[in-house]
Amino acid sequence: MGFGETFKALADPARRKILELLKSGKLSAGEIAGHFDMTQATVSYHLKILKKADLIREEREKNFIFYELNLTVLEEIMVWLTELKGDV
């Protein structure tokens, strides 16, 4: 995992909101899109960036794709930030 991709993904407010939504559990792209005033294509673009940064993962169930947080990447960032701060 590259932190550059991760921080780039986190820089956008819409993508941060998607991550906030996924805190409660997995959601479909349509459920995520319902929280935004943007096209489905734009939501898909943001999901693609989050997947590329490994911040979310997708799971297929029949005809639907559900997205959920990948907490391991977030934990790695927290460890790195803690080490950088010098609290370890």
Protein backbone atom coordinates (compact mmCIF):
# COMPACT_ATOMS: atom_id res chain seq x y z
CA MET A 1 0.00 0.00 0.00
CA GLY A 2 1.25 3.44 -0.83
CA PHE A 3 0.40 6.26 1.52
CA GLY A 4 0.37 8.64 -1.46
CA GLU A 5 -2.66 6.91 -2.97
CA THR A 6 -4.33 6.77 0.42
CA PHE A 7 -3.88 10.44 1.24
CA LYS A 8 -4.93 11.43 -2.29
CA ALA A 9 -8.14 9.46 -1.83
CA LEU A 10 -8.75 11.01 1.59
CA ALA A 11 -8.25 14.54 0.25
CA ASP A 12 -11.69 14.66 -1.37
CA PRO A 13 -14.67 15.51 0.89
CA ALA A 14 -17.06 13.25 -1.04
CA ARG A 15 -14.77 10.27 -0.56
CA ARG A 16 -14.43 11.04 3.15
CA LYS A 17 -18.22 11.12 3.39
CA ILE A 18 -18.42 7.73 1.65
CA LEU A 19 -16.03 6.34 4.27
CA GLU A 20 -18.20 7.85 7.02
CA LEU A 21 -21.27 6.17 5.52
CA LEU A 22 -19.49 2.82 5.42
CA LYS A 23 -18.67 3.06 9.14
CA SER A 24 -22.14 1.67 9.80
CA GLY A 25 -21.64 -1.35 7.57
CA LYS A 26 -21.62 -2.39 3.95
CA LEU A 27 -23.71 -0.52 1.39
CA SER A 28 -24.45 -0.86 -2.31
CA ALA A 29 -23.41 1.82 -4.77
CA GLY A 30 -27.04 2.85 -5.10
CA GLU A 31 -27.40 3.26 -1.34
CA ILE A 32 -24.23 5.35 -1.26
CA ALA A 33 -25.38 7.46 -4.22
CA GLY A 34 -28.64 8.23 -2.39
CA HIS A 35 -26.67 10.38 0.05
CA PHE A 36 -25.21 12.62 -2.67
CA ASP A 37 -26.38 15.10 -5.27
CA MET A 38 -24.20 13.66 -8.03
CA THR A 39 -24.55 11.19 -10.87
CA GLN A 40 -24.13 7.45 -10.37
CA ALA A 41 -21.06 7.66 -12.64
CA THR A 42 -19.43 10.20 -10.32
CA VAL A 43 -20.13 8.03 -7.27
CA SER A 44 -18.63 5.06 -9.13
CA TYR A 45 -15.53 7.14 -9.87
CA HIS A 46 -15.11 7.97 -6.17
CA LEU A 47 -15.59 4.30 -5.24
CA LYS A 48 -12.93 3.33 -7.80
CA ILE A 49 -10.44 5.78 -6.23
CA LEU A 50 -11.19 4.44 -2.74
CA LYS A 51 -10.74 0.85 -3.93
CA LYS A 52 -7.46 1.74 -5.66
CA ALA A 53 -6.23 3.22 -2.36
CA ASP A 54 -7.38 -0.01 -0.65
CA LEU A 55 -9.59 1.96 1.75
CA ILE A 56 -12.67 -0.03 0.77
CA ARG A 57 -13.34 -3.45 -0.66
CA GLU A 58 -16.24 -4.81 -2.63
CA GLU A 59 -18.26 -7.96 -2.20
CA ARG A 60 -20.60 -9.32 -4.85
CA GLU A 61 -23.92 -10.79 -3.79
CA LYS A 62 -26.06 -11.98 -6.70
CA ASN A 63 -26.67 -8.88 -8.87
CA PHE A 64 -25.38 -6.38 -6.33
CA ILE A 65 -21.97 -5.11 -5.29
CA PHE A 66 -21.60 -4.03 -1.69
CA TYR A 67 -18.80 -1.86 -0.38
CA GLU A 68 -17.24 -1.93 3.08
CA LEU A 69 -14.34 -0.31 4.88
CA ASN A 70 -10.93 -1.93 4.79
CA LEU A 71 -9.86 -1.19 8.35
CA THR A 72 -6.38 -2.68 7.98
CA VAL A 73 -5.26 0.24 5.80
CA LEU A 74 -6.67 2.75 8.26
CA GLU A 75 -4.89 0.95 11.10
CA GLU A 76 -1.58 1.10 9.19
CA ILE A 77 -2.01 4.85 8.73
CA MET A 78 -2.76 5.30 12.43
CA VAL A 79 0.34 3.33 13.40
CA TRP A 80 2.48 5.37 11.01
CA LEU A 81 1.08 8.67 12.33
CA THR A 82 1.63 7.55 15.93
CA GLU A 83 5.25 6.59 15.15
CA LEU A 84 5.76 9.88 13.34
CA LYS A 85 4.48 11.77 16.35
CA GLY A 86 6.83 9.83 18.61
CA ASP A 87 4.33 8.37 21.09
CA VAL A 88 5.63 4.81 20.65
